[in-house]
Each structure stands twice: as C-alpha cells, then as structure tokens.
C-alpha atoms as a PDB file:
ATOM      1  CA  MET A   1     -45.597  14.328 -31.165  1.00  0.00           C
ATOM      2  CA  LEU A   2     -42.974  17.008 -30.662  1.00  0.00           C
ATOM      3  CA  ILE A   3     -43.053  17.670 -26.906  1.00  0.00           C
ATOM      4  CA  LEU A   4     -41.425  20.659 -25.223  1.00  0.00           C
ATOM      5  CA  ILE A   5     -40.051  19.722 -21.801  1.00  0.00           C
ATOM      6  CA  ALA A   6     -40.379  22.761 -19.551  1.00  0.00           C
ATOM      7  CA  GLY A   7     -39.289  23.462 -16.005  1.00  0.00           C
ATOM      8  CA  PRO A   8     -36.768  25.369 -13.948  1.00  0.00           C
ATOM      9  CA  TYR A   9     -33.396  26.048 -15.515  1.00  0.00           C
ATOM     10  CA  ARG A  10     -32.096  29.239 -13.924  1.00  0.00           C
ATOM     11  CA  SER A  11     -34.592  29.401 -11.047  1.00  0.00           C
ATOM     12  CA  GLY A  12     -33.285  28.741  -7.575  1.00  0.00           C
ATOM     13  CA  THR A  13     -29.675  28.675  -8.713  1.00  0.00           C
ATOM     14  CA  ASN A  14     -28.525  32.230  -7.966  1.00  0.00           C
ATOM     15  CA  ASP A  15     -26.966  31.853 -11.434  1.00  0.00           C
ATOM     16  CA  ASP A  16     -24.595  29.128 -10.193  1.00  0.00           C
ATOM     17  CA  PRO A  17     -23.554  27.253 -13.355  1.00  0.00           C
ATOM     18  CA  VAL A  18     -23.315  23.931 -11.497  1.00  0.00           C
ATOM     19  CA  LEU A  19     -26.894  24.229 -10.254  1.00  0.00           C
ATOM     20  CA  MET A  20     -28.082  25.340 -13.688  1.00  0.00           C
ATOM     21  CA  ARG A  21     -26.490  22.215 -15.203  1.00  0.00           C
ATOM     22  CA  GLU A  22     -28.254  20.116 -12.560  1.00  0.00           C
ATOM     23  CA  ASN A  23     -31.577  21.687 -13.538  1.00  0.00           C
ATOM     24  CA  LEU A  24     -30.845  20.947 -17.185  1.00  0.00           C
ATOM     25  CA  ARG A  25     -30.107  17.331 -16.291  1.00  0.00           C
ATOM     26  CA  ARG A  26     -33.491  17.125 -14.542  1.00  0.00           C
ATOM     27  CA  LEU A  27     -35.142  18.350 -17.732  1.00  0.00           C
ATOM     28  CA  GLU A  28     -33.123  15.906 -19.803  1.00  0.00           C
ATOM     29  CA  ALA A  29     -34.072  12.959 -17.570  1.00  0.00           C
ATOM     30  CA  VAL A  30     -37.593  13.197 -19.007  1.00  0.00           C
ATOM     31  CA  ALA A  31     -36.428  13.154 -22.641  1.00  0.00           C
ATOM     32  CA  LEU A  32     -35.557   9.470 -23.047  1.00  0.00           C
ATOM     33  CA  PRO A  33     -38.818   8.138 -21.577  1.00  0.00           C
ATOM     34  CA  LEU A  34     -40.775  10.441 -23.907  1.00  0.00           C
ATOM     35  CA  PHE A  35     -38.683   9.316 -26.863  1.00  0.00           C
ATOM     36  CA  ARG A  36     -39.267   5.663 -25.989  1.00  0.00           C
ATOM     37  CA  LYS A  37     -43.010   6.336 -26.020  1.00  0.00           C
ATOM     38  CA  GLY A  38     -42.690   7.428 -29.648  1.00  0.00           C
ATOM     39  CA  HIS A  39     -42.346  11.200 -29.223  1.00  0.00           C
ATOM     40  CA  VAL A  40     -39.630  13.690 -30.101  1.00  0.00           C
ATOM     41  CA  PRO A  41     -38.582  15.508 -26.918  1.00  0.00           C
ATOM     42  CA  MET A  42     -37.341  19.093 -27.075  1.00  0.00           C
ATOM     43  CA  ILE A  43     -35.770  21.292 -24.413  1.00  0.00           C
ATOM     44  CA  GLY A  44     -35.406  24.995 -25.109  1.00  0.00           C
ATOM     45  CA  GLU A  45     -31.897  25.096 -23.651  1.00  0.00           C
ATOM     46  CA  TRP A  46     -30.776  22.531 -26.253  1.00  0.00           C
ATOM     47  CA  VAL A  47     -31.414  25.255 -28.815  1.00  0.00           C
ATOM     48  CA  ALA A  48     -30.666  28.349 -26.743  1.00  0.00           C
ATOM     49  CA  LEU A  49     -27.339  27.425 -25.137  1.00  0.00           C
ATOM     50  CA  PRO A  50     -25.372  27.026 -28.401  1.00  0.00           C
ATOM     51  CA  LEU A  51     -26.958  30.247 -29.681  1.00  0.00           C
ATOM     52  CA  LEU A  52     -25.958  32.053 -26.481  1.00  0.00           C
ATOM     53  CA  GLU A  53     -22.387  30.906 -26.953  1.00  0.00           C
ATOM     54  CA  GLN A  54     -22.370  32.121 -30.558  1.00  0.00           C
ATOM     55  CA  ALA A  55     -23.872  35.456 -29.480  1.00  0.00           C
ATOM     56  CA  GLY A  56     -21.098  35.969 -26.921  1.00  0.00           C
ATOM     57  CA  SER A  57     -23.246  35.727 -23.793  1.00  0.00           C
ATOM     58  CA  LYS A  58     -21.045  35.963 -20.700  1.00  0.00           C
ATOM     59  CA  ARG A  59     -23.601  35.392 -17.915  1.00  0.00           C
ATOM     60  CA  PRO A  60     -27.283  34.695 -17.314  1.00  0.00           C
ATOM     61  CA  GLY A  61     -29.324  37.835 -17.711  1.00  0.00           C
ATOM     62  CA  ASP A  62     -26.945  39.694 -20.028  1.00  0.00           C
ATOM     63  CA  ALA A  63     -28.250  41.249 -23.245  1.00  0.00           C
ATOM     64  CA  ALA A  64     -27.638  38.156 -25.400  1.00  0.00           C
ATOM     65  CA  TYR A  65     -29.299  35.939 -22.791  1.00  0.00           C
ATOM     66  CA  GLU A  66     -32.415  38.112 -22.760  1.00  0.00           C
ATOM     67  CA  GLU A  67     -32.417  38.286 -26.566  1.00  0.00           C
ATOM     68  CA  ILE A  68     -32.271  34.511 -26.992  1.00  0.00           C
ATOM     69  CA  LEU A  69     -33.385  32.337 -24.064  1.00  0.00           C
ATOM     70  CA  TYR A  70     -37.085  33.154 -23.706  1.00  0.00           C
ATOM     71  CA  PRO A  71     -37.677  33.912 -27.393  1.00  0.00           C
ATOM     72  CA  VAL A  72     -36.399  30.396 -28.176  1.00  0.00           C
ATOM     73  CA  ALA A  73     -38.987  28.961 -25.779  1.00  0.00           C
ATOM     74  CA  HIS A  74     -41.770  31.013 -27.325  1.00  0.00           C
ATOM     75  CA  ARG A  75     -40.806  29.974 -30.862  1.00  0.00           C
ATOM     76  CA  LEU A  76     -40.668  26.330 -29.824  1.00  0.00           C
ATOM     77  CA  LEU A  77     -44.129  26.633 -28.293  1.00  0.00           C
ATOM     78  CA  GLU A  78     -45.444  27.578 -31.731  1.00  0.00           C
ATOM     79  CA  LYS A  79     -43.962  24.379 -33.199  1.00  0.00           C
ATOM     80  CA  CYS A  80     -44.494  21.810 -30.438  1.00  0.00           C
ATOM     81  CA  ASP A  81     -47.597  19.682 -30.134  1.00  0.00           C
ATOM     82  CA  ALA A  82     -47.522  19.538 -26.329  1.00  0.00           C
ATOM     83  CA  VAL A  83     -45.680  20.757 -23.247  1.00  0.00           C
ATOM     84  CA  PHE A  84     -44.484  18.447 -20.466  1.00  0.00           C
ATOM     85  CA  ARG A  85     -43.920  20.578 -17.364  1.00  0.00           C
ATOM     86  CA  ILE A  86     -41.686  19.123 -14.656  1.00  0.00           C
ATOM     87  CA  GLU A  87     -41.957  20.105 -11.000  1.00  0.00           C
ATOM     88  CA  GLY A  88     -39.990  22.953  -9.515  1.00  0.00           C
ATOM     89  CA  LEU A  89     -40.032  26.641  -8.795  1.00  0.00           C
ATOM     90  CA  ARG A  90     -39.543  29.020 -11.673  1.00  0.00           C
ATOM     91  CA  ARG A  91     -38.234  32.524 -11.474  1.00  0.00           C
ATOM     92  CA  GLY A  92     -38.555  32.997 -15.219  1.00  0.00           C
ATOM     93  CA  ARG A  93     -41.625  33.527 -17.286  1.00  0.00           C
ATOM     94  CA  THR A  94     -44.253  30.935 -16.550  1.00  0.00           C
ATOM     95  CA  ARG A  95     -46.858  32.293 -18.930  1.00  0.00           C
ATOM     96  CA  MET A  96     -46.301  31.048 -22.457  1.00  0.00           C
END
C-alpha cells in the first residue's frame, strides 16, 4: 500500500526552520518501519519542499508556499491507499 504519513510540520514552530526540520524528522521516523512492513511510505513535504524551492518560496506562508504545500497533500490523498497520522498539534488544515 502507498501510505501517506501525516502530522505536524509547521505547527508549533513559529516558522523556525530548525523546529520544522525536527517535525519532518518525526514524520520520517515512521517511514522505514512502514517500508519494512511491505508498504511504500510517502510524506507530502518530500514532494512539496523541492517544488517550493523551484517556485522561489522564501518563507512559510508566502504565495508559493500556499500554492504548493497543501495542494500537494490533497493530491497525494487522492493517490494513497491509507493515511498514517502521527501525534502532535497541527495549525494547518486537518480536514482532508
């Protein structure tokens, strides 16, 4: 199964890039165990972050960020077989 790993990325960070990277690492910590169980793990930021760089995003919440980050998650939801939600507060859109 293709499994979307969801959880806080920007939430609770006050847009601090170090804290955002820590949140991404928490998401990524789930990927290997899912892979070893025979699944293909996916994290929206794995797709969105390179696109944000290409689009010239300078900071969380800028126009490119809003254009790309959540739409990537929504498009992945259409393709993934399941969602694995990790614990944590989310400031972003929870409804998918």
